[in-house]
Protein backbone atom coordinates (compact mmCIF):
# COMPACT_ATOMS: atom_id res chain seq x y z
CA UNK A 1 0.00 0.02 -0.01
CA UNK A 2 1.39 3.40 -1.00
CA UNK A 3 1.60 6.30 1.38
CA UNK A 4 -1.04 8.10 -0.65
CA UNK A 5 -3.42 5.25 -0.27
CA UNK A 6 -2.85 5.36 3.52
CA UNK A 7 -4.20 8.91 3.82
CA UNK A 8 -7.19 9.01 6.03
CA UNK A 9 -10.20 8.88 3.64
CA UNK A 10 -12.55 9.94 6.41
CA UNK A 11 -10.52 13.04 6.93
CA UNK A 12 -10.93 13.95 3.28
CA UNK A 13 -14.65 12.96 3.35
CA UNK A 14 -15.36 15.16 6.33
CA UNK A 15 -13.15 18.12 5.44
CA UNK A 16 -10.53 17.48 7.99
CA UNK A 17 -7.60 16.67 5.67
CA UNK A 18 -6.47 20.25 4.98
CA UNK A 19 -6.43 21.64 8.53
CA UNK A 20 -3.11 23.16 9.64
CA UNK A 21 -3.42 23.48 13.36
CA UNK A 22 -5.62 22.67 16.36
CA UNK A 23 -7.71 25.78 15.93
CA UNK A 24 -8.58 24.88 12.41
CA UNK A 25 -9.30 21.27 13.46
CA UNK A 26 -11.68 22.43 16.22
CA UNK A 27 -13.45 24.65 13.67
CA UNK A 28 -13.79 21.85 11.10
CA UNK A 29 -15.21 19.54 13.82
CA UNK A 30 -17.58 22.27 15.00
CA UNK A 31 -18.88 22.62 11.37
CA UNK A 32 -19.44 18.81 11.23
CA UNK A 33 -21.23 19.01 14.50
CA UNK A 34 -23.60 21.74 13.25
CA UNK A 35 -24.11 19.79 10.06
CA UNK A 36 -24.99 16.69 12.11
CA UNK A 37 -27.63 18.57 13.92
CA UNK A 38 -29.44 19.40 10.64
CA UNK A 39 -29.15 16.07 8.90
CA UNK A 40 -30.70 12.76 9.71
CA UNK A 41 -28.37 10.38 11.51
CA UNK A 42 -27.98 6.64 11.77
CA UNK A 43 -26.51 4.61 14.65
CA UNK A 44 -22.95 3.61 13.90
CA UNK A 45 -22.04 2.66 17.51
CA UNK A 46 -23.57 0.31 19.98
CA UNK A 47 -24.84 1.97 23.13
CA UNK A 48 -21.87 0.57 25.05
CA UNK A 49 -19.40 1.98 22.46
CA UNK A 50 -21.17 5.39 22.59
CA UNK A 51 -21.01 5.44 26.38
CA UNK A 52 -17.31 4.56 26.27
CA UNK A 53 -16.73 7.33 23.68
CA UNK A 54 -18.67 9.82 25.81
CA UNK A 55 -16.57 8.93 28.89
CA UNK A 56 -13.28 9.44 26.96
CA UNK A 57 -14.55 12.74 25.38
CA UNK A 58 -15.60 13.96 28.86
CA UNK A 59 -12.18 13.09 30.38
CA UNK A 60 -10.38 14.84 27.53
CA UNK A 61 -12.62 17.89 27.98
CA UNK A 62 -11.68 18.19 31.55
CA UNK A 63 -7.95 18.51 30.80
CA UNK A 64 -8.28 22.05 29.63
CA UNK A 65 -11.90 23.19 29.77
CA UNK A 66 -11.25 26.54 27.99
CA UNK A 67 -9.53 25.12 24.91
CA UNK A 68 -11.77 25.03 21.77
CA UNK A 69 -11.09 21.39 21.05
CA UNK A 70 -11.80 20.42 24.63
CA UNK A 71 -15.04 22.43 24.57
CA UNK A 72 -16.08 20.55 21.41
CA UNK A 73 -15.31 17.31 23.21
CA UNK A 74 -17.55 18.31 26.12
CA UNK A 75 -20.37 19.25 23.66
CA UNK A 76 -20.02 15.86 21.85
CA UNK A 77 -19.90 13.96 25.10
CA UNK A 78 -23.03 15.80 26.27
CA UNK A 79 -24.87 14.93 23.07
CA UNK A 80 -23.89 11.28 23.37
CA UNK A 81 -25.03 11.08 26.94
CA UNK A 82 -28.31 12.90 26.00
CA UNK A 83 -28.98 10.35 23.17
CA UNK A 84 -28.18 7.47 25.49
CA UNK A 85 -30.63 8.86 28.12
CA UNK A 86 -27.97 9.28 30.70
């Protein structure tokens, strides 16, 4: 497999491939989050996987609560918990 083939296709698919720093990454993820609020969604995780992801996002968010990426992690964790009924 070539290096070009190993490029993250999801990063390209979701507009994350061209980001240059953490600020741009947080902005790109925020755009995806807003897009996800407008579009229909389908379950891609089991409830157990979603709960584990929410726990990890919440722990990451607590490391630096004022950082943009950490605030996004907190928002995603909150949304996951909400959808899980927690």
